[in-house]
Amino acid sequence: MPLKLAIVGRPNVGKSTLFNRLAGKKLAIVDDRPGVTRDRRIGTGRLGDIDLEIIDTAGFENIDDESLAARMQAQTALAIDDCDVVAMMIDARAGVTPLDRAFVEMLRRKHKPVILLANKAEGRAGDAGLAEAFALGLGEPIAISAEHGDGLSDLYDALIAVAPEAGSDEDAEDAGHPIAIAVIGRPNAGKSTLVNRLIGEDRMLTGPEAGITRDSIRVDWTWEGRRFRLVDTAGIRRKARVQEKLEHLSVQDALRAIALAEVVLLVMDATHPFEIQDLQLADLVEREGRSLVFVLAKWDLMSGAPGGVRALAEEAERALPQLRGAPLVALSAETGAGVERLVPTVIKLHADWSTKIKTRDLNDWLAIALERHPPPMVGGRRVKIKYMAQTKARPPTFVAMATGATDLPEPYRRYLVNSLRESFDLPGVPVRLTVKRNKNPYVDGDAPRARQARTPVRRGRPSSRRT
């Protein structure tokens, strides 16, 4: 039986966009104007291995008369009564509104499992709204972008947790959610050979010719009871060398696989690793917020290499300081040597990428980091960081509140990020840190208006005294 999921919220928060995303096709009309959706729209979709019956609803407006808006609201209430799980959506950029709070009170009376979604959370604009969403009392909000498909893996985990029929209660993470792995690299680096070695069969066509793989091929695979979803991609050459339309489409497909992955294996030919294209691909993975493993394929050809793996790891850190600590695995897919180290590395990195740190532990660390290395003086005044909170995982994303936040130098931000990685054992994981300034009503123009001084008025006859 499919899981019935009702997507609800006030108008124009992105419900229909998420409906289309989960359904896999544009079934619902989407427009910037609020109130486009009126009736309940029902569609089928799939998220991971969960079959869904999705219900798109009209925006909640808290009206109880006989108007059209009130009848639309009644349809939303019927959808909530009929569903298994409610996905309550807010706009992370607009923050929590009184209408959101009124809707939450109505949901409490329905006694249904509720997942709180903070939509439009891409970039930094949604961080403040994510922090406000905790006050609704519906648990930790899930940051998503229905437009771009971000955060759907977190939605999957939430559905597994609140809906027993959607997965196993014993080990939902291990048995239910496969780790999505994209295998990328330059042409003829050995990507398809590595995939064949991992799954134990000749699933991918291989050969000495470069560019055999054109489409991104997905393979579901299980290793010691843990599920994986491998995506073998076409080789990515430098943009200037891509001339044919077919190769251009293949590259676009490979870049899409990076955006949908959780762990990315950057496969390099060990005889000439870390070339410009490899470094550009690694930087792209970091900017996408995905965890990265450097794979040195064809290592059997490097038996006499000076310095070995350690020298290449140091070279990677010099060239890509933003990926300091990213694991590097040397192997030979042809012979199988070293391949046994790859999967445990992926599992460890995926766990680090999914890390959630308690706010208390985070602020204990912050106090030590500030004492060890205080923020610098800027314009004669010291930047004061008040507190820090983690707004989401995958990748770990943090917001620090400070006075003079816009003046915080970039080297000090890097110090905080590197200290976070070292203190909480997050080597090689992309870490996002946003520093926001505390709101000061006397600076932002929200200060209460001072009472105007009133001139006392004398009553009685005007004075006859001449001047």
Protein backbone atom coordinates (compact mmCIF):
# COMPACT_ATOMS: atom_id res chain seq x y z
CA MET A 1 0.00 0.00 0.00
CA PRO A 2 1.37 3.45 -0.86
CA LEU A 3 1.90 5.94 1.92
CA LYS A 4 -0.61 8.82 1.78
CA LEU A 5 1.22 12.14 2.17
CA ALA A 6 -0.71 15.44 2.36
CA ILE A 7 1.29 18.59 1.57
CA VAL A 8 -0.23 21.51 3.46
CA GLY A 9 0.61 25.09 4.41
CA ARG A 10 -0.36 28.67 3.76
CA PRO A 11 -0.56 30.01 0.20
CA ASN A 12 2.51 30.33 -2.03
CA VAL A 13 5.02 28.38 0.09
CA GLY A 14 5.75 25.86 -2.69
CA LYS A 15 3.33 22.98 -2.06
CA SER A 16 2.55 22.35 -5.73
CA THR A 17 6.23 22.53 -6.64
CA LEU A 18 6.98 19.78 -4.14
CA PHE A 19 3.97 17.81 -5.40
CA ASN A 20 5.38 17.94 -8.96
CA ARG A 21 8.85 17.03 -7.69
CA LEU A 22 7.62 13.91 -5.86
CA ALA A 23 5.29 12.92 -8.70
CA GLY A 24 8.13 13.21 -11.19
CA LYS A 25 6.11 15.29 -13.64
CA LYS A 26 4.38 18.66 -13.83
CA LEU A 27 0.87 17.66 -12.81
CA ALA A 28 0.02 20.75 -10.77
CA ILE A 29 0.02 24.30 -12.12
CA VAL A 30 2.74 26.39 -10.46
CA ASP A 31 2.75 30.19 -10.43
CA ASP A 32 4.18 32.97 -8.28
CA ARG A 33 0.68 34.17 -7.47
CA PRO A 34 -0.84 32.73 -4.28
CA GLY A 35 -4.05 30.69 -4.41
CA VAL A 36 -3.52 28.92 -7.74
CA THR A 37 -4.37 25.51 -6.23
CA ARG A 38 -8.01 25.17 -5.15
CA ASP A 39 -9.09 21.53 -5.24
CA ARG A 40 -7.22 18.61 -3.74
CA ARG A 41 -4.98 17.10 -6.37
CA ILE A 42 -3.92 13.47 -5.93
CA GLY A 43 -0.97 11.90 -7.67
CA THR A 44 1.36 8.95 -7.28
CA GLY A 45 5.08 9.14 -6.81
CA ARG A 46 8.07 7.48 -5.25
CA LEU A 47 10.77 8.70 -2.86
CA GLY A 48 13.58 6.19 -2.58
CA ASP A 49 11.82 2.87 -2.05
CA ILE A 50 8.65 4.45 -0.60
CA ASP A 51 5.57 4.41 -2.85
CA LEU A 52 3.58 7.59 -2.26
CA GLU A 53 0.05 8.79 -2.83
CA ILE A 54 0.56 12.55 -2.77
CA ILE A 55 -2.19 15.04 -2.00
CA ASP A 56 -1.68 18.67 -3.04
CA THR A 57 -3.90 21.09 -1.11
CA ALA A 58 -5.04 24.70 -1.24
CA GLY A 59 -3.29 27.25 0.95
CA PHE A 60 -4.64 27.59 4.49
CA GLU A 61 -6.14 31.04 5.20
CA ASN A 62 -8.00 30.54 8.55
CA ILE A 63 -11.47 31.54 7.27
CA ASP A 64 -14.75 30.08 8.59
CA ASP A 65 -17.45 31.76 6.46
CA GLU A 66 -19.16 30.46 3.30
CA SER A 67 -16.68 31.96 0.83
CA LEU A 68 -14.65 30.11 -1.78
CA ALA A 69 -11.54 30.39 0.39
CA ALA A 70 -13.40 28.73 3.28
CA ARG A 71 -14.52 25.86 1.03
CA MET A 72 -10.94 25.44 -0.15
CA GLN A 73 -9.87 25.26 3.48
CA ALA A 74 -12.47 22.54 4.12
CA GLN A 75 -10.93 20.52 1.28
CA THR A 76 -7.55 20.84 2.98
CA ALA A 77 -9.03 19.57 6.25
CA LEU A 78 -10.48 16.54 4.43
CA ALA A 79 -7.07 15.81 2.91
CA ILE A 80 -5.50 15.84 6.38
CA ASP A 81 -8.17 13.45 7.70
CA ASP A 82 -7.55 11.09 4.77
CA CYS A 83 -3.73 10.97 4.86
CA ASP A 84 -1.19 8.92 6.81
CA VAL A 85 1.40 11.69 7.21
CA VAL A 86 1.13 15.49 6.97
CA ALA A 87 3.95 17.52 5.42
CA MET A 88 3.51 21.01 6.88
CA MET A 89 5.40 23.50 4.71
CA ILE A 90 6.60 27.00 5.58
CA ASP A 91 8.59 29.55 3.58
CA ALA A 92 12.11 29.62 5.11
CA ARG A 93 12.82 33.02 3.55
CA ALA A 94 9.69 34.68 4.94
CA GLY A 95 10.00 32.99 8.34
CA VAL A 96 7.16 31.89 10.60
CA THR A 97 3.96 33.94 10.21
CA PRO A 98 0.82 34.17 12.40
CA LEU A 99 -1.00 32.12 9.75
CA ASP A 100 1.58 29.35 10.12
CA ARG A 101 1.02 29.32 13.88
CA ALA A 102 -2.76 29.16 13.45
CA PHE A 103 -2.39 26.25 11.05
CA VAL A 104 -0.14 24.38 13.49
CA GLU A 105 -2.80 24.73 16.20
CA MET A 106 -5.36 23.20 13.85
CA LEU A 107 -2.98 20.33 13.04
CA ARG A 108 -2.51 19.52 16.73
CA ARG A 109 -6.22 18.73 16.97
CA LYS A 110 -5.97 16.26 14.07
CA HIS A 111 -3.54 13.89 15.88
CA LYS A 112 -1.66 13.00 12.70
CA PRO A 113 2.12 12.52 12.28
CA VAL A 114 3.49 15.87 11.05
CA ILE A 115 6.78 16.58 9.26
CA LEU A 116 7.81 20.26 9.22
CA LEU A 117 9.34 21.36 5.90
CA ALA A 118 11.13 24.70 5.49
CA ASN A 119 11.00 25.33 1.73
CA LYS A 120 13.10 27.78 -0.31
CA ALA A 121 16.06 27.12 2.02
CA GLU A 122 18.70 27.14 -0.69
CA GLY A 123 21.56 29.56 -0.05
CA ARG A 124 21.76 31.66 3.08
CA ALA A 125 18.44 33.50 2.83
CA GLY A 126 16.52 30.77 4.64
CA ASP A 127 18.75 30.37 7.73
CA ALA A 128 16.78 32.79 9.90
CA GLY A 129 13.45 31.17 9.01
CA LEU A 130 14.88 27.74 9.85
CA ALA A 131 15.84 28.96 13.31
CA GLU A 132 12.34 30.43 13.86
CA ALA A 133 10.67 27.17 12.81
CA PHE A 134 11.86 25.39 15.96
CA ALA A 135 9.39 27.52 17.95
CA LEU A 136 6.41 25.84 16.24
CA GLY A 137 6.94 22.77 18.40
CA LEU A 138 6.82 20.25 15.53
CA GLY A 139 10.38 19.03 15.99
CA GLU A 140 13.40 19.81 13.86
CA PRO A 141 12.48 21.48 10.55
CA ILE A 142 13.75 19.86 7.35
CA ALA A 143 15.39 22.35 5.01
CA ILE A 144 14.39 21.67 1.40
CA SER A 145 14.21 23.34 -1.97
CA ALA A 146 11.26 21.93 -3.89
CA GLU A 147 12.40 23.88 -6.94
CA HIS A 148 15.91 22.36 -7.00
CA GLY A 149 15.24 19.02 -5.26
CA ASP A 150 17.48 19.71 -2.25
CA GLY A 151 16.73 17.98 1.06
CA LEU A 152 14.67 15.08 -0.32
CA SER A 153 16.95 12.52 1.35
CA ASP A 154 16.16 14.16 4.72
CA LEU A 155 12.44 14.01 3.89
CA TYR A 156 12.86 10.30 3.13
CA ASP A 157 14.47 9.72 6.56
CA ALA A 158 11.64 11.62 8.26
CA LEU A 159 9.00 9.53 6.46
CA ILE A 160 10.77 6.35 7.55
CA ALA A 161 10.79 7.58 11.15
CA VAL A 162 7.09 8.58 11.43
CA ALA A 163 5.50 5.97 9.15
CA PRO A 164 6.20 2.37 10.25
CA GLU A 165 4.81 0.92 7.03
CA ALA A 166 7.34 2.93 5.02
CA GLY A 167 10.32 0.93 6.30
CA SER A 168 11.80 -1.24 9.00
CA ASP A 169 11.78 -0.07 12.61
CA GLU A 170 14.93 -1.99 13.51
CA ASP A 171 17.43 -0.16 11.35
CA ALA A 172 15.68 2.33 9.08
CA GLU A 173 18.87 4.05 8.01
CA ASP A 174 20.79 0.90 7.16
CA ALA A 175 17.97 -1.17 5.65
CA GLY A 176 15.76 1.51 4.13
CA HIS A 177 17.83 4.33 2.72
CA PRO A 178 20.54 3.42 0.21
CA ILE A 179 23.64 5.60 0.17
CA ALA A 180 23.69 7.41 -3.19
CA ILE A 181 27.17 7.32 -4.74
CA ALA A 182 28.19 9.08 -7.96
CA VAL A 183 31.36 7.84 -9.68
CA ILE A 184 32.92 10.68 -11.68
CA GLY A 185 36.20 11.52 -13.36
CA ARG A 186 37.92 12.21 -16.65
CA PRO A 187 37.42 9.82 -19.59
CA ASN A 188 39.23 6.47 -19.33
CA ALA A 189 40.10 6.91 -15.65
CA GLY A 190 38.65 3.51 -14.74
CA LYS A 191 35.18 4.41 -13.41
CA SER A 192 33.22 1.60 -15.05
CA THR A 193 35.89 -0.98 -14.18
CA LEU A 194 35.66 0.10 -10.53
CA VAL A 195 31.85 -0.23 -10.53
CA ASN A 196 32.09 -3.72 -12.02
CA ARG A 197 34.62 -4.71 -9.35
CA LEU A 198 32.42 -3.40 -6.53
CA ILE A 199 29.24 -5.18 -7.63
CA GLY A 200 31.07 -8.35 -8.67
CA GLU A 201 29.83 -8.59 -12.26
CA ASP A 202 30.48 -7.10 -15.69
CA ARG A 203 27.53 -4.74 -15.55
CA MET A 204 29.28 -1.86 -17.32
CA LEU A 205 30.84 -1.96 -20.76
CA THR A 206 34.57 -1.33 -20.44
CA GLY A 207 37.54 -1.15 -22.78
CA PRO A 208 40.68 0.81 -23.64
CA GLU A 209 38.74 3.39 -25.65
CA ALA A 210 37.89 6.65 -23.86
CA GLY A 211 34.27 7.74 -23.66
CA ILE A 212 32.51 4.34 -23.82
CA THR A 213 29.99 5.35 -21.12
CA ARG A 214 27.51 7.95 -22.34
CA ASP A 215 24.48 7.75 -20.07
CA SER A 216 24.62 7.83 -16.27
CA ILE A 217 23.85 4.22 -15.32
CA ARG A 218 22.31 3.46 -11.92
CA VAL A 219 23.05 0.18 -10.15
CA ASP A 220 21.49 -0.89 -6.83
CA TRP A 221 23.92 -2.94 -4.76
CA THR A 222 24.16 -4.40 -1.25
CA TRP A 223 27.36 -4.84 0.78
CA GLU A 224 27.22 -6.63 4.15
CA GLY A 225 23.52 -5.77 4.53
CA ARG A 226 24.02 -2.10 3.66
CA ARG A 227 22.31 -0.78 0.53
CA PHE A 228 24.01 1.46 -2.01
CA ARG A 229 22.94 3.15 -5.22
CA LEU A 230 25.90 3.52 -7.57
CA VAL A 231 25.72 5.86 -10.54
CA ASP A 232 28.42 5.40 -13.16
CA THR A 233 28.80 8.59 -15.21
CA ALA A 234 30.36 9.59 -18.49
CA GLY A 235 33.87 10.99 -18.44
CA ILE A 236 33.96 14.77 -18.04
CA ARG A 237 36.47 16.63 -20.16
CA ARG A 238 37.34 20.31 -20.05
CA LYS A 239 34.47 22.44 -21.33
CA ALA A 240 36.53 23.85 -24.21
CA ARG A 241 37.06 20.34 -25.59
CA VAL A 242 33.39 19.37 -25.55
CA GLN A 243 32.14 20.02 -29.06
CA GLU A 244 29.55 17.36 -29.96
CA LYS A 245 25.99 17.67 -28.73
CA LEU A 246 25.91 14.05 -27.51
CA GLU A 247 28.96 14.55 -25.29
CA HIS A 248 27.49 17.79 -23.99
CA LEU A 249 24.31 15.93 -22.94
CA SER A 250 26.41 13.21 -21.30
CA VAL A 251 28.34 15.80 -19.28
CA GLN A 252 25.12 17.46 -18.18
CA ASP A 253 23.82 14.06 -17.06
CA ALA A 254 27.01 13.48 -15.05
CA LEU A 255 26.76 16.90 -13.37
CA ARG A 256 23.15 16.10 -12.47
CA ALA A 257 24.34 12.86 -10.85
CA ILE A 258 26.69 14.88 -8.61
CA ALA A 259 23.81 17.07 -7.45
CA LEU A 260 21.71 14.00 -6.55
CA ALA A 261 24.53 12.07 -4.84
CA GLU A 262 25.46 11.92 -1.16
CA VAL A 263 29.01 10.63 -1.63
CA VAL A 264 31.06 11.28 -4.77
CA LEU A 265 33.99 9.09 -5.84
CA LEU A 266 36.41 11.14 -7.94
CA VAL A 267 38.30 8.47 -9.88
CA MET A 268 41.73 9.53 -11.18
CA ASP A 269 44.32 7.67 -13.18
CA ALA A 270 47.16 7.18 -10.69
CA THR A 271 49.75 7.69 -13.42
CA HIS A 272 48.73 11.37 -13.77
CA PRO A 273 46.41 12.40 -10.90
CA PHE A 274 45.26 15.85 -9.76
CA GLU A 275 45.31 17.48 -13.15
CA ILE A 276 43.41 20.74 -13.66
CA GLN A 277 40.18 18.97 -14.61
CA ASP A 278 40.38 16.77 -11.49
CA LEU A 279 40.81 19.83 -9.27
CA GLN A 280 37.90 21.60 -10.94
CA LEU A 281 35.64 18.57 -10.45
CA ALA A 282 36.64 18.31 -6.78
CA ASP A 283 35.89 21.99 -6.27
CA LEU A 284 32.48 21.52 -7.94
CA VAL A 285 31.65 18.65 -5.57
CA GLU A 286 32.55 20.81 -2.56
CA ARG A 287 30.42 23.70 -3.81
CA GLU A 288 27.50 21.28 -4.27
CA GLY A 289 27.93 20.30 -0.61
CA ARG A 290 28.63 16.62 -1.30
CA SER A 291 31.17 14.45 0.52
CA LEU A 292 34.14 13.43 -1.61
CA VAL A 293 36.54 10.48 -1.78
CA PHE A 294 39.64 10.70 -3.98
CA VAL A 295 40.16 7.34 -5.72
CA LEU A 296 43.56 6.62 -7.26
CA ALA A 297 42.78 3.91 -9.81
CA LYS A 298 45.38 1.80 -11.63
CA TRP A 299 47.60 1.90 -8.55
CA ASP A 300 49.20 -1.37 -9.64
CA LEU A 301 51.08 0.67 -12.25
CA MET A 302 52.65 2.87 -9.55
CA SER A 303 54.70 0.36 -7.55
CA GLY A 304 57.81 2.54 -7.66
CA ALA A 305 56.15 5.94 -7.12
CA PRO A 306 58.23 8.20 -4.81
CA GLY A 307 56.41 9.18 -1.61
CA GLY A 308 53.40 6.98 -2.33
CA VAL A 309 49.90 7.87 -1.15
CA ARG A 310 51.09 10.28 1.56
CA ALA A 311 52.80 12.56 -0.96
CA LEU A 312 49.68 12.65 -3.12
CA ALA A 313 47.47 13.39 -0.09
CA GLU A 314 49.70 16.35 0.79
CA GLU A 315 49.46 17.55 -2.81
CA ALA A 316 45.65 17.37 -2.62
CA GLU A 317 45.58 19.45 0.58
CA ARG A 318 47.82 22.13 -0.95
CA ALA A 319 45.72 22.35 -4.11
CA LEU A 320 42.30 22.07 -2.39
CA PRO A 321 42.50 23.49 1.16
CA GLN A 322 38.68 23.65 1.29
CA LEU A 323 38.69 19.83 1.18
CA ARG A 324 41.35 19.31 3.83
CA GLY A 325 41.18 15.80 5.21
CA ALA A 326 39.20 14.31 2.32
CA PRO A 327 40.02 10.57 2.24
CA LEU A 328 42.24 9.21 -0.49
CA VAL A 329 42.05 5.51 -1.44
CA ALA A 330 44.63 3.92 -3.75
CA LEU A 331 43.41 0.75 -5.48
CA SER A 332 43.46 -1.34 -8.61
CA ALA A 333 40.03 -2.17 -9.97
CA GLU A 334 41.67 -4.53 -12.45
CA THR A 335 43.28 -6.75 -9.79
CA GLY A 336 41.05 -5.88 -6.81
CA ALA A 337 43.93 -4.69 -4.62
CA GLY A 338 42.84 -2.01 -2.15
CA VAL A 339 39.16 -2.10 -3.15
CA GLU A 340 38.20 -3.52 0.27
CA ARG A 341 39.12 -0.18 1.89
CA LEU A 342 36.76 1.86 -0.28
CA VAL A 343 33.32 0.92 1.08
CA PRO A 344 34.18 1.40 4.81
CA THR A 345 35.60 4.80 3.87
CA VAL A 346 32.34 5.73 2.10
CA ILE A 347 30.21 4.63 5.08
CA LYS A 348 32.35 6.63 7.55
CA LEU A 349 32.29 9.74 5.33
CA HIS A 350 28.51 9.48 4.84
CA ALA A 351 28.02 9.32 8.63
CA ASP A 352 30.22 12.42 9.10
CA TRP A 353 28.33 14.25 6.34
CA SER A 354 25.06 13.49 8.20
CA THR A 355 26.38 14.65 11.59
CA LYS A 356 24.09 16.67 13.87
CA ILE A 357 25.78 18.39 16.79
CA LYS A 358 23.89 19.37 19.92
CA THR A 359 23.62 23.12 20.42
CA ARG A 360 25.06 22.86 23.94
CA ASP A 361 28.16 20.98 22.72
CA LEU A 362 28.52 23.44 19.85
CA ASN A 363 28.53 26.46 22.13
CA ASP A 364 30.91 24.78 24.58
CA TRP A 365 33.28 24.34 21.65
CA LEU A 366 32.69 27.95 20.55
CA ALA A 367 33.71 29.30 23.97
CA ILE A 368 36.99 27.35 23.80
CA ALA A 369 37.66 28.40 20.19
CA LEU A 370 37.08 32.08 21.02
CA GLU A 371 39.30 31.90 24.08
CA ARG A 372 42.07 30.19 22.12
CA HIS A 373 41.91 32.67 19.26
CA PRO A 374 39.66 35.73 19.83
CA PRO A 375 38.12 37.48 16.82
CA PRO A 376 40.26 40.32 15.46
CA MET A 377 39.71 44.02 15.94
CA VAL A 378 37.95 45.67 12.99
CA GLY A 379 37.78 49.45 12.86
CA GLY A 380 38.83 49.68 16.50
CA ARG A 381 36.03 47.34 17.68
CA ARG A 382 36.16 43.61 18.31
CA VAL A 383 33.63 41.32 16.62
CA LYS A 384 31.68 39.50 19.34
CA ILE A 385 30.24 36.06 18.49
CA LYS A 386 27.34 35.38 20.87
CA TYR A 387 26.24 31.84 20.08
CA MET A 388 26.03 29.23 17.33
CA ALA A 389 23.48 26.64 16.19
CA GLN A 390 23.38 23.92 13.51
CA THR A 391 20.51 24.54 11.11
CA LYS A 392 20.82 21.35 9.04
CA ALA A 393 23.03 18.42 8.13
CA ARG A 394 24.09 16.97 4.77
CA PRO A 395 26.29 18.98 4.67
CA PRO A 396 26.65 20.27 8.25
CA THR A 397 25.46 23.88 8.19
CA PHE A 398 25.91 26.32 11.07
CA VAL A 399 24.76 29.85 11.86
CA ALA A 400 26.65 32.08 14.28
CA MET A 401 25.10 35.25 15.69
CA ALA A 402 27.53 38.10 16.21
CA THR A 403 27.88 41.84 16.46
CA GLY A 404 29.76 43.27 13.50
CA ALA A 405 29.23 40.04 11.56
CA THR A 406 29.75 41.66 8.17
CA ASP A 407 33.24 42.70 9.27
CA LEU A 408 34.41 39.20 10.27
CA PRO A 409 37.52 38.51 8.15
CA GLU A 410 37.54 35.44 5.93
CA PRO A 411 40.68 33.94 7.57
CA TYR A 412 38.85 33.87 10.90
CA ARG A 413 35.89 32.09 9.29
CA ARG A 414 38.31 29.47 7.96
CA TYR A 415 39.78 29.13 11.46
CA LEU A 416 36.32 28.39 12.88
CA VAL A 417 35.51 25.88 10.12
CA ASN A 418 38.84 24.06 10.50
CA SER A 419 38.43 23.99 14.28
CA LEU A 420 34.91 22.55 13.84
CA ARG A 421 36.26 19.80 11.62
CA GLU A 422 39.06 18.97 14.05
CA SER A 423 36.97 19.07 17.24
CA PHE A 424 33.99 17.06 15.95
CA ASP A 425 35.94 14.66 13.68
CA LEU A 426 34.64 15.90 10.32
CA PRO A 427 37.68 15.53 8.01
CA GLY A 428 36.96 16.26 4.38
CA VAL A 429 33.29 17.08 4.96
CA PRO A 430 31.97 20.33 3.42
CA VAL A 431 31.05 22.64 6.29
CA ARG A 432 28.85 25.69 5.79
CA LEU A 433 29.18 28.57 8.26
CA THR A 434 27.06 31.72 8.06
CA VAL A 435 27.68 34.60 10.45
CA LYS A 436 24.69 36.86 11.05
CA ARG A 437 24.52 39.98 13.14
CA ASN A 438 22.21 40.31 16.10
CA LYS A 439 19.29 42.61 15.43
CA ASN A 440 19.56 45.90 17.23
CA PRO A 441 16.25 47.78 17.15
CA TYR A 442 18.00 51.12 17.63
CA VAL A 443 20.12 50.43 14.53
CA ASP A 444 17.50 48.74 12.36
CA GLY A 445 14.95 51.51 12.78
CA ASP A 446 12.57 49.50 14.99
CA ALA A 447 13.24 51.44 18.16
CA PRO A 448 10.18 52.72 20.04
CA ARG A 449 9.54 56.30 19.20
CA ALA A 450 10.53 58.73 21.88
CA ARG A 451 7.71 60.67 23.36
CA GLN A 452 7.54 64.13 21.92
CA ALA A 453 8.15 66.84 24.44
CA ARG A 454 5.02 68.89 24.95
CA THR A 455 5.13 72.60 25.63
CA PRO A 456 2.87 73.41 28.57
CA VAL A 457 -0.15 75.48 27.54
CA ARG A 458 -1.12 78.37 29.84
CA ARG A 459 -4.79 78.85 30.33
CA GLY A 460 -6.53 82.13 31.05
CA ARG A 461 -6.24 85.61 29.60
CA PRO A 462 -3.31 86.46 27.41
CA SER A 463 -0.75 88.65 29.06
CA SER A 464 -1.19 92.41 28.50
CA ARG A 465 2.48 93.02 29.04
CA ARG A 466 4.04 94.81 26.08
CA THR A 467 7.39 93.95 24.70
